[in-house]
Amino acid sequence: MDSPAQPERTPDGRYIVVKGRKWRATDPEIPDEVSARLRRHLMAARRAVAAALRENDAAAEKRARSRVHAAKVALGERGTPWWEESLTERRRRWEAGVTELDADQPE
């Protein structure tokens, strides 16, 4: 089975390009297992945003959007650019994100 095509990257590797628009790339130093776990949290949070919007539940939408943000920060896609942080700071960021997201599992 073919793996999905990887998005184009800028020459410095800091951004991916999707439909001509640049988006910050995930921190490449995050271990694969941790990165996959954070992406699962991100996708679950995005589904929760959609569900909250369908239900017109502003409180649930706010909680879900907060989880999306936490996952994106942990992945290095928001907040201080990962290339401006030391490896220690980067590790702290993704470890804190996993801890926060694991503890805040929706019921």
C-alpha atoms as a PDB file:
ATOM      1  CA  MET A   1       0.000   0.000   0.000  1.00  0.00           C
ATOM      2  CA  ASP A   2       1.393   3.405  -0.919  1.00  0.00           C
ATOM      3  CA  SER A   3       1.960   5.900   1.869  1.00  0.00           C
ATOM      4  CA  PRO A   4       0.261   9.272   1.515  1.00  0.00           C
ATOM      5  CA  ALA A   5       2.286  11.898  -0.305  1.00  0.00           C
ATOM      6  CA  GLN A   6       4.222  14.171   2.007  1.00  0.00           C
ATOM      7  CA  PRO A   7       3.561  17.897   1.568  1.00  0.00           C
ATOM      8  CA  GLU A   8       6.173  20.049  -0.106  1.00  0.00           C
ATOM      9  CA  ARG A   9       8.636  21.632   2.335  1.00  0.00           C
ATOM     10  CA  THR A  10      10.527  24.882   2.125  1.00  0.00           C
ATOM     11  CA  PRO A  11      14.290  24.410   1.613  1.00  0.00           C
ATOM     12  CA  ASP A  12      14.980  25.161   5.304  1.00  0.00           C
ATOM     13  CA  GLY A  13      12.438  22.500   6.397  1.00  0.00           C
ATOM     14  CA  ARG A  14      10.624  24.897   8.673  1.00  0.00           C
ATOM     15  CA  TYR A  15       7.396  25.079   6.687  1.00  0.00           C
ATOM     16  CA  ILE A  16       5.193  22.847   4.578  1.00  0.00           C
ATOM     17  CA  VAL A  17       3.422  24.240   1.541  1.00  0.00           C
ATOM     18  CA  VAL A  18      -0.229  23.321   0.973  1.00  0.00           C
ATOM     19  CA  LYS A  19      -2.089  24.840  -1.984  1.00  0.00           C
ATOM     20  CA  GLY A  20       0.539  27.564  -2.203  1.00  0.00           C
ATOM     21  CA  ARG A  21       0.245  28.539   1.461  1.00  0.00           C
ATOM     22  CA  LYS A  22       3.048  28.055   4.006  1.00  0.00           C
ATOM     23  CA  TRP A  23       2.273  26.412   7.345  1.00  0.00           C
ATOM     24  CA  ARG A  24       4.786  25.816  10.129  1.00  0.00           C
ATOM     25  CA  ALA A  25       6.074  22.243  10.041  1.00  0.00           C
ATOM     26  CA  THR A  26       5.948  19.911  13.019  1.00  0.00           C
ATOM     27  CA  ASP A  27       9.121  19.900  15.098  1.00  0.00           C
ATOM     28  CA  PRO A  28      11.263  17.183  13.481  1.00  0.00           C
ATOM     29  CA  GLU A  29      12.928  16.304  16.807  1.00  0.00           C
ATOM     30  CA  ILE A  30       9.695  14.970  18.325  1.00  0.00           C
ATOM     31  CA  PRO A  31       9.975  11.176  18.515  1.00  0.00           C
ATOM     32  CA  ASP A  32       7.640   9.429  16.043  1.00  0.00           C
ATOM     33  CA  GLU A  33       5.578   7.766  18.779  1.00  0.00           C
ATOM     34  CA  VAL A  34       5.047  11.079  20.606  1.00  0.00           C
ATOM     35  CA  SER A  35       4.270  12.922  17.374  1.00  0.00           C
ATOM     36  CA  ALA A  36       1.670  10.297  16.447  1.00  0.00           C
ATOM     37  CA  ARG A  37       0.098  10.568  19.904  1.00  0.00           C
ATOM     38  CA  LEU A  38      -0.090  14.358  19.627  1.00  0.00           C
ATOM     39  CA  ARG A  39      -1.647  14.084  16.147  1.00  0.00           C
ATOM     40  CA  ARG A  40      -4.297  11.699  17.530  1.00  0.00           C
ATOM     41  CA  HIS A  41      -5.109  14.274  20.220  1.00  0.00           C
ATOM     42  CA  LEU A  42      -5.217  16.999  17.553  1.00  0.00           C
ATOM     43  CA  MET A  43      -7.597  15.067  15.295  1.00  0.00           C
ATOM     44  CA  ALA A  44      -9.868  14.136  18.232  1.00  0.00           C
ATOM     45  CA  ALA A  45      -9.977  17.790  19.277  1.00  0.00           C
ATOM     46  CA  ARG A  46     -10.838  18.866  15.726  1.00  0.00           C
ATOM     47  CA  ARG A  47     -13.672  16.329  15.650  1.00  0.00           C
ATOM     48  CA  ALA A  48     -14.860  17.724  18.998  1.00  0.00           C
ATOM     49  CA  VAL A  49     -14.879  21.257  17.524  1.00  0.00           C
ATOM     50  CA  ALA A  50     -17.049  20.041  14.636  1.00  0.00           C
ATOM     51  CA  ALA A  51     -19.424  18.227  17.008  1.00  0.00           C
ATOM     52  CA  ALA A  52     -19.721  21.290  19.245  1.00  0.00           C
ATOM     53  CA  LEU A  53     -20.497  23.465  16.236  1.00  0.00           C
ATOM     54  CA  ARG A  54     -23.192  21.019  15.082  1.00  0.00           C
ATOM     55  CA  GLU A  55     -24.691  21.053  18.591  1.00  0.00           C
ATOM     56  CA  ASN A  56     -24.313  24.837  18.913  1.00  0.00           C
ATOM     57  CA  ASP A  57     -22.497  24.237  22.233  1.00  0.00           C
ATOM     58  CA  ALA A  58     -20.247  27.244  22.791  1.00  0.00           C
ATOM     59  CA  ALA A  59     -18.668  25.868  25.980  1.00  0.00           C
ATOM     60  CA  ALA A  60     -17.739  22.556  24.328  1.00  0.00           C
ATOM     61  CA  GLU A  61     -16.409  24.429  21.300  1.00  0.00           C
ATOM     62  CA  LYS A  62     -14.177  26.564  23.516  1.00  0.00           C
ATOM     63  CA  ARG A  63     -12.800  23.479  25.318  1.00  0.00           C
ATOM     64  CA  ALA A  64     -12.187  21.676  22.024  1.00  0.00           C
ATOM     65  CA  ARG A  65     -10.451  24.668  20.437  1.00  0.00           C
ATOM     66  CA  SER A  66      -8.245  24.928  23.517  1.00  0.00           C
ATOM     67  CA  ARG A  67      -7.230  21.274  23.008  1.00  0.00           C
ATOM     68  CA  VAL A  68      -6.495  21.943  19.313  1.00  0.00           C
ATOM     69  CA  HIS A  69      -4.254  24.827  20.346  1.00  0.00           C
ATOM     70  CA  ALA A  70      -2.483  22.747  23.015  1.00  0.00           C
ATOM     71  CA  ALA A  71      -1.753  19.998  20.481  1.00  0.00           C
ATOM     72  CA  LYS A  72      -0.507  22.460  17.850  1.00  0.00           C
ATOM     73  CA  VAL A  73       1.803  24.127  20.398  1.00  0.00           C
ATOM     74  CA  ALA A  74       3.131  20.747  21.557  1.00  0.00           C
ATOM     75  CA  LEU A  75       3.816  19.791  17.920  1.00  0.00           C
ATOM     76  CA  GLY A  76       5.732  23.046  17.465  1.00  0.00           C
ATOM     77  CA  GLU A  77       3.256  24.397  14.921  1.00  0.00           C
ATOM     78  CA  ARG A  78       2.232  27.338  17.128  1.00  0.00           C
ATOM     79  CA  GLY A  79       3.955  29.377  19.798  1.00  0.00           C
ATOM     80  CA  THR A  80       7.674  30.034  19.778  1.00  0.00           C
ATOM     81  CA  PRO A  81       9.141  28.622  16.539  1.00  0.00           C
ATOM     82  CA  TRP A  82      10.872  25.321  17.307  1.00  0.00           C
ATOM     83  CA  TRP A  83      14.029  26.407  15.489  1.00  0.00           C
ATOM     84  CA  GLU A  84      14.422  29.265  18.009  1.00  0.00           C
ATOM     85  CA  GLU A  85      14.361  26.912  21.018  1.00  0.00           C
ATOM     86  CA  SER A  86      17.043  24.656  22.441  1.00  0.00           C
ATOM     87  CA  LEU A  87      16.486  20.916  22.244  1.00  0.00           C
ATOM     88  CA  THR A  88      15.805  20.942  26.004  1.00  0.00           C
ATOM     89  CA  GLU A  89      13.095  23.598  25.594  1.00  0.00           C
ATOM     90  CA  ARG A  90      11.589  21.711  22.667  1.00  0.00           C
ATOM     91  CA  ARG A  91      11.496  18.446  24.633  1.00  0.00           C
ATOM     92  CA  ARG A  92       9.873  20.253  27.580  1.00  0.00           C
ATOM     93  CA  ARG A  93       7.247  21.693  25.210  1.00  0.00           C
ATOM     94  CA  TRP A  94       6.156  18.385  23.698  1.00  0.00           C
ATOM     95  CA  GLU A  95       6.337  16.469  26.990  1.00  0.00           C
ATOM     96  CA  ALA A  96       4.171  19.096  28.713  1.00  0.00           C
ATOM     97  CA  GLY A  97       1.713  18.975  25.816  1.00  0.00           C
ATOM     98  CA  VAL A  98       1.345  15.196  25.966  1.00  0.00           C
ATOM     99  CA  THR A  99       0.897  15.323  29.739  1.00  0.00           C
ATOM    100  CA  GLU A 100      -1.742  18.059  29.477  1.00  0.00           C
ATOM    101  CA  LEU A 101      -3.653  16.400  26.645  1.00  0.00           C
ATOM    102  CA  ASP A 102      -3.555  12.926  28.231  1.00  0.00           C
ATOM    103  CA  ALA A 103      -4.893  14.360  31.500  1.00  0.00           C
ATOM    104  CA  ASP A 104      -7.640  16.311  29.732  1.00  0.00           C
ATOM    105  CA  GLN A 105      -9.241  13.442  27.828  1.00  0.00           C
ATOM    106  CA  PRO A 106     -12.851  14.273  26.952  1.00  0.00           C
ATOM    107  CA  GLU A 107     -15.418  12.031  28.560  1.00  0.00           C
END
